[in-house]
Amino acid sequence: ASATTFTIAAIGWFRQAPANKRELVAA
């Protein structure tokens, strides 16, 4: 991420398989 975004935000990993909803993997 940009430095500004990185320092103020949490980061979440999501995944999406075909025909599935996007789900949170980790944050």
PDB file of all heavy atoms in Angstrom:
ATOM      1  N   ALA A   1       0.829  -1.193   0.000  1.00  0.00           N
ATOM      2  CA  ALA A   1       0.000   0.000   0.000  1.00  0.00           C
ATOM      3  C   ALA A   1       0.866   1.247   0.000  1.00  0.00           C
ATOM      4  O   ALA A   1       2.071   1.194   0.233  1.00  0.00           O
ATOM      5  CB  ALA A   1      -0.924   0.004   1.213  1.00  0.00           C
ATOM      6  N   SER A   2       0.234   2.374  -0.268  1.00  0.00           N
ATOM      7  CA  SER A   2       0.917   3.640  -0.070  1.00  0.00           C
ATOM      8  C   SER A   2       1.202   3.819   1.413  1.00  0.00           C
ATOM      9  O   SER A   2       0.530   3.249   2.268  1.00  0.00           O
ATOM     10  CB  SER A   2       0.073   4.793  -0.587  1.00  0.00           C
ATOM     11  OG  SER A   2      -1.074   4.982   0.221  1.00  0.00           O
ATOM     12  N   ALA A   3       2.185   4.615   1.723  1.00  0.00           N
ATOM     13  CA  ALA A   3       2.556   4.820   3.118  1.00  0.00           C
ATOM     14  C   ALA A   3       1.407   5.392   3.927  1.00  0.00           C
ATOM     15  O   ALA A   3       1.168   4.969   5.062  1.00  0.00           O
ATOM     16  CB  ALA A   3       3.782   5.725   3.204  1.00  0.00           C
ATOM     17  N   THR A   4       0.695   6.346   3.363  1.00  0.00           N
ATOM     18  CA  THR A   4      -0.412   6.963   4.083  1.00  0.00           C
ATOM     19  C   THR A   4      -1.508   5.954   4.381  1.00  0.00           C
ATOM     20  O   THR A   4      -2.013   5.874   5.503  1.00  0.00           O
ATOM     21  CB  THR A   4      -0.983   8.141   3.286  1.00  0.00           C
ATOM     22  OG1 THR A   4       0.022   9.129   3.107  1.00  0.00           O
ATOM     23  CG2 THR A   4      -2.172   8.755   4.017  1.00  0.00           C
ATOM     24  N   THR A   5      -1.898   5.195   3.378  1.00  0.00           N
ATOM     25  CA  THR A   5      -2.914   4.172   3.571  1.00  0.00           C
ATOM     26  C   THR A   5      -2.465   3.139   4.590  1.00  0.00           C
ATOM     27  O   THR A   5      -3.222   2.746   5.482  1.00  0.00           O
ATOM     28  CB  THR A   5      -3.239   3.485   2.238  1.00  0.00           C
ATOM     29  OG1 THR A   5      -3.770   4.444   1.328  1.00  0.00           O
ATOM     30  CG2 THR A   5      -4.242   2.359   2.440  1.00  0.00           C
ATOM     31  N   PHE A   6      -1.242   2.729   4.478  1.00  0.00           N
ATOM     32  CA  PHE A   6      -0.747   1.658   5.318  1.00  0.00           C
ATOM     33  C   PHE A   6      -0.705   2.046   6.788  1.00  0.00           C
ATOM     34  O   PHE A   6      -1.043   1.236   7.653  1.00  0.00           O
ATOM     35  CB  PHE A   6       0.642   1.231   4.845  1.00  0.00           C
ATOM     36  CG  PHE A   6       1.115  -0.042   5.459  1.00  0.00           C
ATOM     37  CD1 PHE A   6       0.739  -1.262   4.929  1.00  0.00           C
ATOM     38  CD2 PHE A   6       1.936  -0.028   6.575  1.00  0.00           C
ATOM     39  CE1 PHE A   6       1.176  -2.447   5.496  1.00  0.00           C
ATOM     40  CE2 PHE A   6       2.375  -1.204   7.150  1.00  0.00           C
ATOM     41  CZ  PHE A   6       1.992  -2.417   6.610  1.00  0.00           C
ATOM     42  N   THR A   7      -0.309   3.245   7.079  1.00  0.00           N
ATOM     43  CA  THR A   7      -0.128   3.644   8.468  1.00  0.00           C
ATOM     44  C   THR A   7      -1.431   3.863   9.211  1.00  0.00           C
ATOM     45  O   THR A   7      -1.462   3.739  10.439  1.00  0.00           O
ATOM     46  CB  THR A   7       0.731   4.907   8.576  1.00  0.00           C
ATOM     47  OG1 THR A   7       0.145   5.953   7.803  1.00  0.00           O
ATOM     48  CG2 THR A   7       2.144   4.647   8.079  1.00  0.00           C
ATOM     49  N   ILE A   8      -2.511   4.179   8.527  1.00  0.00           N
ATOM     50  CA  ILE A   8      -3.760   4.501   9.197  1.00  0.00           C
ATOM     51  C   ILE A   8      -4.803   3.398   9.119  1.00  0.00           C
ATOM     52  O   ILE A   8      -5.789   3.436   9.861  1.00  0.00           O
ATOM     53  CB  ILE A   8      -4.377   5.799   8.653  1.00  0.00           C
ATOM     54  CG1 ILE A   8      -4.815   5.623   7.199  1.00  0.00           C
ATOM     55  CG2 ILE A   8      -3.385   6.957   8.802  1.00  0.00           C
ATOM     56  CD1 ILE A   8      -5.590   6.797   6.647  1.00  0.00           C
ATOM     57  N   ALA A   9      -4.608   2.435   8.253  1.00  0.00           N
ATOM     58  CA  ALA A   9      -5.657   1.469   7.978  1.00  0.00           C
ATOM     59  C   ALA A   9      -5.280   0.064   8.422  1.00  0.00           C
ATOM     60  O   ALA A   9      -4.116  -0.320   8.448  1.00  0.00           O
ATOM     61  CB  ALA A   9      -5.984   1.455   6.494  1.00  0.00           C
ATOM     62  N   ALA A  10      -6.309  -0.687   8.766  1.00  0.00           N
ATOM     63  CA  ALA A  10      -6.168  -2.129   8.811  1.00  0.00           C
ATOM     64  C   ALA A  10      -6.199  -2.671   7.387  1.00  0.00           C
ATOM     65  O   ALA A  10      -6.759  -2.050   6.480  1.00  0.00           O
ATOM     66  CB  ALA A  10      -7.296  -2.743   9.633  1.00  0.00           C
ATOM     67  N   ILE A  11      -5.603  -3.826   7.188  1.00  0.00           N
ATOM     68  CA  ILE A  11      -5.613  -4.482   5.896  1.00  0.00           C
ATOM     69  C   ILE A  11      -6.284  -5.832   6.055  1.00  0.00           C
ATOM     70  O   ILE A  11      -5.935  -6.598   6.957  1.00  0.00           O
ATOM     71  CB  ILE A  11      -4.205  -4.661   5.325  1.00  0.00           C
ATOM     72  CG1 ILE A  11      -3.518  -3.300   5.144  1.00  0.00           C
ATOM     73  CG2 ILE A  11      -4.255  -5.426   4.002  1.00  0.00           C
ATOM     74  CD1 ILE A  11      -4.168  -2.408   4.101  1.00  0.00           C
ATOM     75  N   GLY A  12      -7.226  -6.092   5.195  1.00  0.00           N
ATOM     76  CA  GLY A  12      -7.901  -7.373   5.194  1.00  0.00           C
ATOM     77  C   GLY A  12      -7.632  -8.128   3.913  1.00  0.00           C
ATOM     78  O   GLY A  12      -7.568  -7.535   2.834  1.00  0.00           O
ATOM     79  N   TRP A  13      -7.452  -9.424   4.035  1.00  0.00           N
ATOM     80  CA  TRP A  13      -7.392 -10.314   2.888  1.00  0.00           C
ATOM     81  C   TRP A  13      -8.750 -10.974   2.711  1.00  0.00           C
ATOM     82  O   TRP A  13      -9.289 -11.561   3.651  1.00  0.00           O
ATOM     83  CB  TRP A  13      -6.327 -11.386   3.070  1.00  0.00           C
ATOM     84  CG  TRP A  13      -4.932 -10.938   2.766  1.00  0.00           C
ATOM     85  CD1 TRP A  13      -3.953 -10.619   3.649  1.00  0.00           C
ATOM     86  CD2 TRP A  13      -4.357 -10.786   1.460  1.00  0.00           C
ATOM     87  NE1 TRP A  13      -2.797 -10.273   2.994  1.00  0.00           N
ATOM     88  CE2 TRP A  13      -3.018 -10.363   1.643  1.00  0.00           C
ATOM     89  CE3 TRP A  13      -4.832 -10.959   0.165  1.00  0.00           C
ATOM     90  CZ2 TRP A  13      -2.163 -10.120   0.576  1.00  0.00           C
ATOM     91  CZ3 TRP A  13      -3.981 -10.711  -0.891  1.00  0.00           C
ATOM     92  CH2 TRP A  13      -2.669 -10.297  -0.681  1.00  0.00           C
ATOM     93  N   PHE A  14      -9.271 -10.869   1.523  1.00  0.00           N
ATOM     94  CA  PHE A  14     -10.518 -11.511   1.142  1.00  0.00           C
ATOM     95  C   PHE A  14     -10.262 -12.470  -0.002  1.00  0.00           C
ATOM     96  O   PHE A  14      -9.268 -12.368  -0.700  1.00  0.00           O
ATOM     97  CB  PHE A  14     -11.553 -10.475   0.701  1.00  0.00           C
ATOM     98  CG  PHE A  14     -12.082  -9.604   1.798  1.00  0.00           C
ATOM     99  CD1 PHE A  14     -11.312  -8.598   2.343  1.00  0.00           C
ATOM    100  CD2 PHE A  14     -13.372  -9.784   2.280  1.00  0.00           C
ATOM    101  CE1 PHE A  14     -11.791  -7.783   3.350  1.00  0.00           C
ATOM    102  CE2 PHE A  14     -13.878  -8.979   3.284  1.00  0.00           C
ATOM    103  CZ  PHE A  14     -13.084  -7.979   3.817  1.00  0.00           C
ATOM    104  N   ARG A  15     -11.189 -13.377  -0.203  1.00  0.00           N
ATOM    105  CA  ARG A  15     -11.105 -14.241  -1.368  1.00  0.00           C
ATOM    106  C   ARG A  15     -12.485 -14.459  -1.950  1.00  0.00           C
ATOM    107  O   ARG A  15     -13.495 -14.390  -1.253  1.00  0.00           O
ATOM    108  CB  ARG A  15     -10.451 -15.588  -1.026  1.00  0.00           C
ATOM    109  CG  ARG A  15     -11.254 -16.463  -0.091  1.00  0.00           C
ATOM    110  CD  ARG A  15     -10.431 -17.677   0.302  1.00  0.00           C
ATOM    111  NE  ARG A  15     -11.162 -18.579   1.175  1.00  0.00           N
ATOM    112  CZ  ARG A  15     -10.622 -19.622   1.790  1.00  0.00           C
ATOM    113  NH1 ARG A  15      -9.328 -19.899   1.617  1.00  0.00           N
ATOM    114  NH2 ARG A  15     -11.363 -20.393   2.571  1.00  0.00           N
ATOM    115  N   GLN A  16     -12.496 -14.735  -3.234  1.00  0.00           N
ATOM    116  CA  GLN A  16     -13.738 -14.982  -3.925  1.00  0.00           C
ATOM    117  C   GLN A  16     -13.518 -16.040  -4.993  1.00  0.00           C
ATOM    118  O   GLN A  16     -12.704 -15.857  -5.896  1.00  0.00           O
ATOM    119  CB  GLN A  16     -14.291 -13.709  -4.556  1.00  0.00           C
ATOM    120  CG  GLN A  16     -15.674 -13.869  -5.143  1.00  0.00           C
ATOM    121  CD  GLN A  16     -16.341 -12.541  -5.441  1.00  0.00           C
ATOM    122  OE1 GLN A  16     -15.669 -11.526  -5.612  1.00  0.00           O
ATOM    123  NE2 GLN A  16     -17.656 -12.537  -5.487  1.00  0.00           N
ATOM    124  N   ALA A  17     -14.237 -17.126  -4.859  1.00  0.00           N
ATOM    125  CA  ALA A  17     -14.228 -18.184  -5.853  1.00  0.00           C
ATOM    126  C   ALA A  17     -15.443 -18.014  -6.760  1.00  0.00           C
ATOM    127  O   ALA A  17     -16.418 -17.361  -6.387  1.00  0.00           O
ATOM    128  CB  ALA A  17     -14.257 -19.553  -5.177  1.00  0.00           C
ATOM    129  N   PRO A  18     -15.400 -18.594  -7.960  1.00  0.00           N
ATOM    130  CA  PRO A  18     -16.548 -18.487  -8.856  1.00  0.00           C
ATOM    131  C   PRO A  18     -17.835 -18.932  -8.181  1.00  0.00           C
ATOM    132  O   PRO A  18     -17.881 -19.961  -7.523  1.00  0.00           O
ATOM    133  CB  PRO A  18     -16.172 -19.411 -10.012  1.00  0.00           C
ATOM    134  CG  PRO A  18     -14.682 -19.385 -10.023  1.00  0.00           C
ATOM    135  CD  PRO A  18     -14.280 -19.317  -8.574  1.00  0.00           C
ATOM    136  N   ALA A  19     -18.859 -18.127  -8.343  1.00  0.00           N
ATOM    137  CA  ALA A  19     -20.196 -18.386  -7.800  1.00  0.00           C
ATOM    138  C   ALA A  19     -20.277 -18.228  -6.290  1.00  0.00           C
ATOM    139  O   ALA A  19     -21.333 -18.473  -5.706  1.00  0.00           O
ATOM    140  CB  ALA A  19     -20.711 -19.754  -8.214  1.00  0.00           C
ATOM    141  N   ASN A  20     -19.198 -17.831  -5.655  1.00  0.00           N
ATOM    142  CA  ASN A  20     -19.198 -17.635  -4.214  1.00  0.00           C
ATOM    143  C   ASN A  20     -19.134 -16.155  -3.858  1.00  0.00           C
ATOM    144  O   ASN A  20     -18.685 -15.323  -4.646  1.00  0.00           O
ATOM    145  CB  ASN A  20     -18.018 -18.357  -3.570  1.00  0.00           C
ATOM    146  CG  ASN A  20     -18.166 -19.858  -3.571  1.00  0.00           C
ATOM    147  OD1 ASN A  20     -19.239 -20.385  -3.859  1.00  0.00           O
ATOM    148  ND2 ASN A  20     -17.083 -20.553  -3.256  1.00  0.00           N
ATOM    149  N   LYS A  21     -19.574 -15.858  -2.661  1.00  0.00           N
ATOM    150  CA  LYS A  21     -19.459 -14.495  -2.172  1.00  0.00           C
ATOM    151  C   LYS A  21     -18.025 -14.227  -1.737  1.00  0.00           C
ATOM    152  O   LYS A  21     -17.261 -15.143  -1.441  1.00  0.00           O
ATOM    153  CB  LYS A  21     -20.412 -14.266  -1.005  1.00  0.00           C
ATOM    154  CG  LYS A  21     -20.098 -15.117   0.220  1.00  0.00           C
ATOM    155  CD  LYS A  21     -21.079 -14.866   1.354  1.00  0.00           C
ATOM    156  CE  LYS A  21     -20.742 -15.711   2.571  1.00  0.00           C
ATOM    157  NZ  LYS A  21     -21.703 -15.494   3.673  1.00  0.00           N
ATOM    158  N   ARG A  22     -17.672 -12.973  -1.715  1.00  0.00           N
ATOM    159  CA  ARG A  22     -16.360 -12.601  -1.223  1.00  0.00           C
ATOM    160  C   ARG A  22     -16.335 -12.730   0.289  1.00  0.00           C
ATOM    161  O   ARG A  22     -17.208 -12.196   0.981  1.00  0.00           O
ATOM    162  CB  ARG A  22     -16.023 -11.175  -1.656  1.00  0.00           C
ATOM    163  CG  ARG A  22     -14.596 -10.767  -1.375  1.00  0.00           C
ATOM    164  CD  ARG A  22     -14.256  -9.439  -2.040  1.00  0.00           C
ATOM    165  NE  ARG A  22     -14.325  -9.533  -3.495  1.00  0.00           N
ATOM    166  CZ  ARG A  22     -13.977  -8.557  -4.319  1.00  0.00           C
ATOM    167  NH1 ARG A  22     -13.526  -7.406  -3.834  1.00  0.00           N
ATOM    168  NH2 ARG A  22     -14.083  -8.720  -5.634  1.00  0.00           N
ATOM    169  N   GLU A  23     -15.345 -13.437   0.797  1.00  0.00           N
ATOM    170  CA  GLU A  23     -15.269 -13.685   2.225  1.00  0.00           C
ATOM    171  C   GLU A  23     -13.952 -13.207   2.808  1.00  0.00           C
ATOM    172  O   GLU A  23     -12.909 -13.256   2.155  1.00  0.00           O
ATOM    173  CB  GLU A  23     -15.450 -15.181   2.527  1.00  0.00           C
ATOM    174  CG  GLU A  23     -14.354 -16.061   1.962  1.00  0.00           C
ATOM    175  CD  GLU A  23     -14.472 -17.520   2.396  1.00  0.00           C
ATOM    176  OE1 GLU A  23     -15.171 -17.794   3.389  1.00  0.00           O
ATOM    177  OE2 GLU A  23     -13.865 -18.384   1.737  1.00  0.00           O
ATOM    178  N   LEU A  24     -14.021 -12.782   4.043  1.00  0.00           N
ATOM    179  CA  LEU A  24     -12.825 -12.352   4.751  1.00  0.00           C
ATOM    180  C   LEU A  24     -11.997 -13.562   5.143  1.00  0.00           C
ATOM    181  O   LEU A  24     -12.502 -14.509   5.739  1.00  0.00           O
ATOM    182  CB  LEU A  24     -13.199 -11.555   5.997  1.00  0.00           C
ATOM    183  CG  LEU A  24     -12.034 -11.073   6.865  1.00  0.00           C
ATOM    184  CD1 LEU A  24     -11.201 -10.033   6.122  1.00  0.00           C
ATOM    185  CD2 LEU A  24     -12.549 -10.493   8.175  1.00  0.00           C
ATOM    186  N   VAL A  25     -10.726 -13.516   4.827  1.00  0.00           N
ATOM    187  CA  VAL A  25      -9.788 -14.577   5.175  1.00  0.00           C
ATOM    188  C   VAL A  25      -9.030 -14.224   6.440  1.00  0.00           C
ATOM    189  O   VAL A  25      -8.924 -15.029   7.371  1.00  0.00           O
ATOM    190  CB  VAL A  25      -8.809 -14.839   4.018  1.00  0.00           C
ATOM    191  CG1 VAL A  25      -7.764 -15.877   4.420  1.00  0.00           C
ATOM    192  CG2 VAL A  25      -9.571 -15.292   2.783  1.00  0.00           C
ATOM    193  N   ALA A  26      -8.477 -13.036   6.477  1.00  0.00           N
ATOM    194  CA  ALA A  26      -7.686 -12.584   7.612  1.00  0.00           C
ATOM    195  C   ALA A  26      -7.572 -11.077   7.553  1.00  0.00           C
ATOM    196  O   ALA A  26      -7.717 -10.470   6.488  1.00  0.00           O
ATOM    197  CB  ALA A  26      -6.297 -13.227   7.614  1.00  0.00           C
ATOM    198  N   ALA A  27      -7.305 -10.475   8.689  1.00  0.00           N
ATOM    199  CA  ALA A  27      -7.132  -9.035   8.749  1.00  0.00           C
ATOM    200  C   ALA A  27      -6.110  -8.693   9.809  1.00  0.00           C
ATOM    201  O   ALA A  27      -5.915  -9.440  10.772  1.00  0.00           O
ATOM    202  CB  ALA A  27      -8.461  -8.335   9.048  1.00  0.00           C
TER     203      ALA A  27
END
